[in-house]
Amino acid sequence: MKQKAVLVVFTGGTISMVCDPVSGALRPADMDKFKMYIPELFHGDIRIELLSFDPLIDSSDVNPPLWSRLAHIIYDNYSRYDGFVVTHGTDTMAYTASALSFMLENLNKPVVFTGSQLPIGTLRSDAKENLITAIEIAAEQDEDGQAVVPEVCIFFDTKLFRGNRCTKKNAEWFSAFKSYNYDPLAIAGVHIKYYPHLIHYCDPTAPLRLRTKIDQRVAILKLFPGIAEQTVRAILNIPDLKAVVLETYGSGNAPSDQWLFEALSDATRRGIIIVNKTQCVMGSVEMGRYETSLNLLNAGVLSGYDITTEALLTKMMYLLGENEGDTPLVRRLLQTSLCGEMTVE
């Protein structure tokens, strides 16, 4: 039986840190020291190879070029490994996982993101359990030799979530992530229980396609009581702006002020794509359900359904980059589920 192989890519984050014995400050660990903390990784049934960014990157500094770099690493090594694990800082992990779910078209192998809330060298660190389980998931295959979870995921504290359905919910608990509108793909206890009916499968005969063109000319406009007209117009009139995530109330509602309707209408007439995303962590946008969302519909604003802000923002960047100049196509695809990122009613 062929030994399974997993590539672990270290980008940075808390999981890659150790405590300096003199100063007490956290600093990046080199690979030799990391291996010392988890020696059992290299004595099991899975062949594990490590690749580390140099220098390691704090998740606050993550940007689209890093997404592209990660996507290229997976694409270039796709035939050599059965799965991939990416260690990443938790603060922007959901953005990176979402971006890669779009960049890696026809993905048929697992790409599992993980990290930790405590550094690998601390006594109570969650790093070890998260990493070992993520590797096991990345290598898991069915009786036909096909990957059990062939999509971009986040594994954290016993739960495996679809990457583009996740958001970071807590800065202190080990259960740092939550997928509010989609159930976990797997739960790890004594055994790992998978839920195949929730997993996204591509055509296994389709080749992996790398799509890394990104257009960063997007913005987030979050509504709040008392928001000023000049604030809204300042954002909507950013030079060369292409698309906006409009974070609204409840099921997609906004103030009924005439100036807001006119500002949004003017922006959509100029070709700016505006997508309605609820500020609630659970639930979906329902355009037209209340009178306060009819103005948005009439202004040309699109529904974001139950997509996360992280997924919507990265999807916008991806679609604008890959379909430059084709606004009607981008508008249509923004309301289409490409890889399970939203539930379209």
Protein backbone atom coordinates (compact mmCIF):
# COMPACT_ATOMS: atom_id res chain seq x y z
CA MET A 1 0.00 0.00 0.00
CA LYS A 2 1.39 3.36 -1.06
CA GLN A 3 2.32 5.62 1.84
CA LYS A 4 0.26 8.81 1.95
CA ALA A 5 2.12 12.10 1.75
CA VAL A 6 1.20 15.51 3.13
CA LEU A 7 2.97 18.83 2.61
CA VAL A 8 2.79 21.16 5.61
CA VAL A 9 3.32 24.83 4.70
CA PHE A 10 4.24 27.15 7.55
CA THR A 11 3.33 30.76 6.88
CA GLY A 12 3.55 32.09 10.44
CA GLY A 13 1.17 32.90 13.26
CA THR A 14 1.06 31.88 16.91
CA ILE A 15 1.45 28.19 16.08
CA SER A 16 4.96 28.92 14.75
CA MET A 17 6.10 30.79 17.85
CA VAL A 18 8.14 29.77 20.87
CA CYS A 19 8.86 31.64 24.07
CA ASP A 20 12.38 33.06 24.39
CA PRO A 21 13.80 31.62 27.65
CA VAL A 22 15.64 34.86 28.47
CA SER A 23 13.26 37.67 27.50
CA GLY A 24 10.00 35.74 27.68
CA ALA A 25 8.96 37.27 24.38
CA LEU A 26 7.49 35.21 21.55
CA ARG A 27 9.67 34.63 18.51
CA PRO A 28 9.40 32.43 15.42
CA ALA A 29 10.63 28.86 15.85
CA ASP A 30 12.96 27.32 13.29
CA MET A 31 11.92 24.00 11.77
CA ASP A 32 14.36 21.95 13.86
CA LYS A 33 12.88 23.31 17.08
CA PHE A 34 9.36 22.79 15.79
CA LYS A 35 10.14 19.13 15.02
CA MET A 36 11.48 18.76 18.54
CA TYR A 37 8.09 19.70 20.01
CA ILE A 38 6.12 17.24 17.84
CA PRO A 39 8.47 14.32 17.07
CA GLU A 40 5.57 11.90 16.55
CA LEU A 41 4.72 13.65 13.28
CA PHE A 42 7.63 11.92 11.62
CA HIS A 43 7.19 8.40 12.97
CA GLY A 44 3.68 7.54 11.77
CA ASP A 45 2.12 6.11 8.62
CA ILE A 46 2.00 9.46 6.80
CA ARG A 47 5.04 10.89 5.05
CA ILE A 48 5.22 14.53 6.09
CA GLU A 49 7.34 17.18 4.46
CA LEU A 50 7.70 20.74 5.71
CA LEU A 51 8.00 23.97 3.78
CA SER A 52 8.43 27.23 5.65
CA PHE A 53 8.07 30.83 4.55
CA ASP A 54 11.21 32.82 5.26
CA PRO A 55 10.57 35.08 7.01
CA LEU A 56 7.38 33.88 8.64
CA ILE A 57 4.48 36.30 8.24
CA ASP A 58 2.26 37.69 10.97
CA SER A 59 -1.37 37.19 9.97
CA SER A 60 -1.97 40.94 10.26
CA ASP A 61 0.44 41.37 7.34
CA VAL A 62 -1.25 38.81 5.10
CA ASN A 63 -2.22 40.19 1.68
CA PRO A 64 -3.24 39.00 -1.81
CA PRO A 65 0.36 38.32 -2.94
CA LEU A 66 0.63 35.79 -0.10
CA TRP A 67 -2.62 34.14 -1.23
CA SER A 68 -1.15 33.84 -4.71
CA ARG A 69 2.12 32.46 -3.35
CA LEU A 70 0.27 29.78 -1.36
CA ALA A 71 -1.91 28.85 -4.33
CA HIS A 72 1.19 28.46 -6.50
CA ILE A 73 2.87 26.23 -3.89
CA ILE A 74 -0.14 23.91 -3.82
CA TYR A 75 -0.50 23.93 -7.61
CA ASP A 76 3.21 23.24 -8.21
CA ASN A 77 3.24 20.36 -5.71
CA TYR A 78 -0.23 19.01 -6.45
CA SER A 79 0.85 15.73 -8.01
CA ARG A 80 3.41 14.94 -5.30
CA TYR A 81 1.12 14.94 -2.25
CA ASP A 82 -2.22 13.52 -1.20
CA GLY A 83 -3.10 16.62 0.78
CA PHE A 84 -1.85 19.92 2.15
CA VAL A 85 -1.86 21.60 5.55
CA VAL A 86 -1.26 25.33 5.94
CA THR A 87 -0.37 26.79 9.33
CA HIS A 88 -1.54 30.38 9.52
CA GLY A 89 -2.24 33.10 12.04
CA THR A 90 -5.85 33.09 13.18
CA ASP A 91 -6.66 36.76 12.62
CA THR A 92 -6.84 36.55 8.83
CA MET A 93 -7.05 32.79 8.32
CA ALA A 94 -10.66 32.97 7.10
CA TYR A 95 -9.68 35.49 4.41
CA THR A 96 -6.83 33.32 3.13
CA ALA A 97 -8.88 30.12 3.19
CA SER A 98 -11.69 31.88 1.31
CA ALA A 99 -9.30 33.28 -1.28
CA LEU A 100 -7.71 29.88 -1.95
CA SER A 101 -11.11 28.24 -2.34
CA PHE A 102 -11.61 30.45 -5.40
CA MET A 103 -8.02 30.39 -6.68
CA LEU A 104 -7.82 26.57 -6.77
CA GLU A 105 -10.52 25.65 -9.25
CA ASN A 106 -11.48 21.96 -9.51
CA LEU A 107 -9.65 21.13 -6.29
CA ASN A 108 -9.79 17.40 -5.56
CA LYS A 109 -7.37 17.21 -2.64
CA PRO A 110 -7.65 18.61 0.88
CA VAL A 111 -6.10 21.94 1.78
CA VAL A 112 -6.51 22.22 5.55
CA PHE A 113 -5.72 25.45 7.36
CA THR A 114 -4.95 25.35 11.05
CA GLY A 115 -3.18 27.30 13.76
CA SER A 116 -3.33 27.76 17.49
CA GLN A 117 -4.25 30.18 20.24
CA LEU A 118 -1.14 29.34 22.27
CA PRO A 119 2.41 28.94 20.91
CA ILE A 120 3.73 25.46 20.23
CA GLY A 121 6.22 25.61 23.08
CA THR A 122 3.77 26.35 25.89
CA LEU A 123 2.54 23.57 28.14
CA ARG A 124 -1.19 23.98 27.37
CA SER A 125 -0.79 24.79 23.70
CA ASP A 126 -3.54 23.68 21.33
CA ALA A 127 -1.04 23.66 18.46
CA LYS A 128 -0.11 20.00 18.66
CA GLU A 129 -3.64 18.58 18.56
CA ASN A 130 -4.76 20.97 15.83
CA LEU A 131 -1.79 20.21 13.59
CA ILE A 132 -1.80 16.43 14.00
CA THR A 133 -5.54 16.18 13.32
CA ALA A 134 -5.29 18.55 10.33
CA ILE A 135 -2.61 16.29 8.84
CA GLU A 136 -4.72 13.19 9.39
CA ILE A 137 -7.67 14.85 7.65
CA ALA A 138 -5.45 15.98 4.76
CA ALA A 139 -4.33 12.39 4.21
CA GLU A 140 -7.73 10.71 4.65
CA GLN A 141 -8.99 8.77 1.63
CA ASP A 142 -11.97 6.54 0.92
CA GLU A 143 -11.82 2.92 -0.27
CA ASP A 144 -11.38 4.13 -3.86
CA GLY A 145 -8.35 6.22 -2.99
CA GLN A 146 -10.20 9.52 -3.30
CA ALA A 147 -9.80 12.32 -0.78
CA VAL A 148 -12.56 12.35 1.82
CA VAL A 149 -12.59 16.17 2.09
CA PRO A 150 -11.35 17.56 -1.25
CA GLU A 151 -11.78 21.24 -0.48
CA VAL A 152 -10.20 24.17 1.35
CA CYS A 153 -11.04 23.83 5.05
CA ILE A 154 -10.19 25.18 8.47
CA PHE A 155 -9.62 22.73 11.32
CA PHE A 156 -9.65 24.15 14.83
CA ASP A 157 -10.48 22.63 18.21
CA THR A 158 -12.23 19.42 17.12
CA LYS A 159 -14.19 20.88 14.19
CA LEU A 160 -13.52 20.98 10.46
CA PHE A 161 -15.24 23.85 8.67
CA ARG A 162 -15.48 24.85 5.03
CA GLY A 163 -12.88 27.58 4.68
CA ASN A 164 -15.09 30.05 2.86
CA ARG A 165 -17.87 29.66 5.45
CA CYS A 166 -15.71 30.52 8.46
CA THR A 167 -15.11 33.56 10.58
CA LYS A 168 -12.98 34.07 13.67
CA LYS A 169 -15.34 34.38 16.63
CA ASN A 170 -13.09 34.53 19.69
CA ALA A 171 -9.61 35.82 20.53
CA GLU A 172 -9.22 33.75 23.72
CA TRP A 173 -11.00 30.40 23.48
CA PHE A 174 -9.46 27.39 21.78
CA SER A 175 -12.64 27.22 19.70
CA ALA A 176 -11.62 30.34 17.79
CA PHE A 177 -13.66 29.75 14.62
CA LYS A 178 -17.29 29.25 13.75
CA SER A 179 -19.24 28.52 10.60
CA TYR A 180 -22.54 30.11 11.48
CA ASN A 181 -24.53 29.28 8.36
CA TYR A 182 -23.08 25.87 7.50
CA ASP A 183 -22.53 22.82 9.67
CA PRO A 184 -19.05 21.33 10.28
CA LEU A 185 -17.73 18.96 7.61
CA ALA A 186 -16.24 16.75 10.33
CA ILE A 187 -15.91 16.55 14.11
CA ALA A 188 -12.86 15.03 15.77
CA GLY A 189 -13.20 13.09 18.99
CA VAL A 190 -11.81 9.63 19.65
CA HIS A 191 -12.62 9.11 15.97
CA ILE A 192 -13.04 11.67 13.21
CA LYS A 193 -16.66 11.70 12.06
CA TYR A 194 -17.09 12.99 8.49
CA TYR A 195 -20.33 14.27 6.98
CA PRO A 196 -20.10 13.55 3.24
CA HIS A 197 -23.46 15.16 2.42
CA LEU A 198 -21.98 18.52 3.48
CA ILE A 199 -18.70 18.20 1.58
CA HIS A 200 -18.19 19.93 -1.77
CA TYR A 201 -16.98 17.59 -4.52
CA CYS A 202 -15.66 18.63 -7.91
CA ASP A 203 -15.45 16.47 -11.02
CA PRO A 204 -12.54 14.12 -10.15
CA THR A 205 -11.50 14.02 -13.81
CA ALA A 206 -11.24 17.82 -14.14
CA PRO A 207 -7.70 19.22 -13.91
CA LEU A 208 -6.77 21.67 -11.18
CA ARG A 209 -6.80 25.22 -12.54
CA LEU A 210 -4.83 28.03 -10.93
CA ARG A 211 -6.57 31.40 -10.92
CA THR A 212 -4.59 34.05 -9.08
CA LYS A 213 -5.55 37.31 -10.78
CA ILE A 214 -6.77 39.67 -8.09
CA ASP A 215 -8.25 43.16 -8.25
CA GLN A 216 -7.98 44.92 -4.89
CA ARG A 217 -10.17 47.89 -5.82
CA VAL A 218 -12.90 46.95 -3.38
CA ALA A 219 -14.20 48.41 -0.13
CA ILE A 220 -16.48 47.64 2.82
CA LEU A 221 -19.20 50.11 3.76
CA LYS A 222 -20.75 49.29 7.12
CA LEU A 223 -23.98 51.09 7.89
CA PHE A 224 -24.71 52.38 11.39
CA PRO A 225 -27.34 54.65 12.91
CA GLY A 226 -26.39 58.24 12.15
CA ILE A 227 -23.97 57.47 9.33
CA ALA A 228 -23.31 60.72 7.47
CA GLU A 229 -24.01 61.27 3.79
CA GLN A 230 -20.47 62.54 3.22
CA THR A 231 -19.07 59.30 4.69
CA VAL A 232 -21.09 57.14 2.31
CA ARG A 233 -20.32 59.31 -0.71
CA ALA A 234 -16.61 59.45 0.20
CA ILE A 235 -16.40 55.65 0.06
CA LEU A 236 -18.52 55.30 -3.07
CA ASN A 237 -16.40 57.92 -4.83
CA ILE A 238 -13.01 56.35 -4.13
CA PRO A 239 -11.07 56.68 -7.40
CA ASP A 240 -11.19 53.50 -9.55
CA LEU A 241 -13.41 51.69 -7.04
CA LYS A 242 -14.93 48.56 -8.60
CA ALA A 243 -17.03 46.87 -5.92
CA VAL A 244 -18.38 47.40 -2.41
CA VAL A 245 -19.51 45.09 0.37
CA LEU A 246 -22.47 46.89 1.91
CA GLU A 247 -22.97 45.64 5.47
CA THR A 248 -26.61 46.22 6.38
CA TYR A 249 -28.96 45.46 9.25
CA GLY A 250 -30.90 42.26 9.87
CA SER A 251 -32.08 40.54 6.71
CA GLY A 252 -30.52 43.20 4.50
CA ASN A 253 -32.15 46.45 5.59
CA ALA A 254 -30.87 50.02 5.33
CA PRO A 255 -32.10 53.51 6.27
CA SER A 256 -34.81 54.83 3.94
CA ASP A 257 -33.13 58.24 3.49
CA GLN A 258 -33.45 59.53 -0.06
CA TRP A 259 -29.81 60.60 -0.14
CA LEU A 260 -28.69 57.03 0.52
CA PHE A 261 -30.82 55.69 -2.32
CA GLU A 262 -29.44 58.36 -4.64
CA ALA A 263 -25.84 57.70 -3.60
CA LEU A 264 -26.15 53.96 -4.16
CA SER A 265 -28.04 54.41 -7.44
CA ASP A 266 -25.40 56.81 -8.71
CA ALA A 267 -22.64 54.33 -7.82
CA THR A 268 -24.30 51.38 -9.60
CA ARG A 269 -24.96 53.54 -12.67
CA ARG A 270 -21.22 54.25 -12.76
CA GLY A 271 -20.58 50.50 -12.88
CA ILE A 272 -19.67 49.96 -9.22
CA ILE A 273 -20.93 46.59 -8.01
CA ILE A 274 -22.57 46.72 -4.58
CA VAL A 275 -23.46 43.54 -2.69
CA ASN A 276 -25.73 43.50 0.34
CA LYS A 277 -24.26 41.56 3.29
CA THR A 278 -26.02 41.35 6.64
CA GLN A 279 -24.10 42.43 9.74
CA CYS A 280 -25.61 39.45 11.59
CA VAL A 281 -23.38 36.39 11.92
CA MET A 282 -26.33 34.07 11.26
CA GLY A 283 -29.06 34.26 8.67
CA SER A 284 -29.36 35.48 5.12
CA VAL A 285 -30.10 38.66 3.19
CA GLU A 286 -33.67 38.69 1.88
CA MET A 287 -33.95 41.62 -0.50
CA GLY A 288 -37.45 43.10 -0.58
CA ARG A 289 -38.74 41.37 2.53
CA TYR A 290 -39.05 44.73 4.27
CA GLU A 291 -39.70 48.11 2.71
CA THR A 292 -36.33 49.32 4.01
CA SER A 293 -34.53 46.91 1.66
CA LEU A 294 -36.62 47.76 -1.40
CA ASN A 295 -34.61 50.93 -1.95
CA LEU A 296 -31.45 48.84 -2.13
CA LEU A 297 -33.02 46.54 -4.69
CA ASN A 298 -34.22 49.49 -6.75
CA ALA A 299 -30.76 51.06 -6.54
CA GLY A 300 -29.19 48.03 -8.23
CA VAL A 301 -27.68 46.45 -5.12
CA LEU A 302 -27.17 42.67 -5.29
CA SER A 303 -27.97 40.12 -2.59
CA GLY A 304 -25.10 38.42 -0.79
CA TYR A 305 -27.42 35.80 0.70
CA ASP A 306 -25.64 34.12 3.66
CA ILE A 307 -22.03 34.62 2.56
CA THR A 308 -19.42 35.75 5.10
CA THR A 309 -17.70 39.10 4.74
CA GLU A 310 -14.36 37.31 4.31
CA ALA A 311 -15.66 35.15 1.49
CA LEU A 312 -17.52 37.99 -0.23
CA LEU A 313 -14.54 40.33 -0.19
CA THR A 314 -12.12 37.73 -1.57
CA LYS A 315 -14.68 36.54 -4.11
CA MET A 316 -15.05 40.11 -5.37
CA MET A 317 -11.28 40.49 -5.73
CA TYR A 318 -11.04 37.16 -7.53
CA LEU A 319 -13.93 37.73 -9.94
CA LEU A 320 -12.85 41.27 -10.78
CA GLY A 321 -9.31 40.08 -11.44
CA GLU A 322 -10.25 37.05 -13.53
CA ASN A 323 -13.02 38.79 -15.50
CA GLU A 324 -11.59 42.26 -15.99
CA GLY A 325 -14.04 44.60 -17.70
CA ASP A 326 -16.94 42.14 -17.79
CA THR A 327 -19.19 43.71 -15.16
CA PRO A 328 -22.37 41.77 -16.13
CA LEU A 329 -20.51 38.45 -15.73
CA VAL A 330 -19.04 39.49 -12.37
CA ARG A 331 -22.49 40.55 -11.14
CA ARG A 332 -23.96 37.21 -12.19
CA LEU A 333 -21.18 35.13 -10.60
CA LEU A 334 -21.38 37.10 -7.36
CA GLN A 335 -24.89 35.68 -6.99
CA THR A 336 -23.78 32.17 -7.92
CA SER A 337 -22.28 29.68 -5.48
CA LEU A 338 -18.93 28.73 -7.04
CA CYS A 339 -17.56 26.37 -4.40
CA GLY A 340 -20.12 26.22 -1.63
CA GLU A 341 -19.46 29.70 -0.26
CA MET A 342 -23.14 30.61 0.06
CA THR A 343 -26.65 29.26 -0.08
CA VAL A 344 -28.53 30.76 -3.03
CA GLU A 345 -32.27 30.60 -2.60
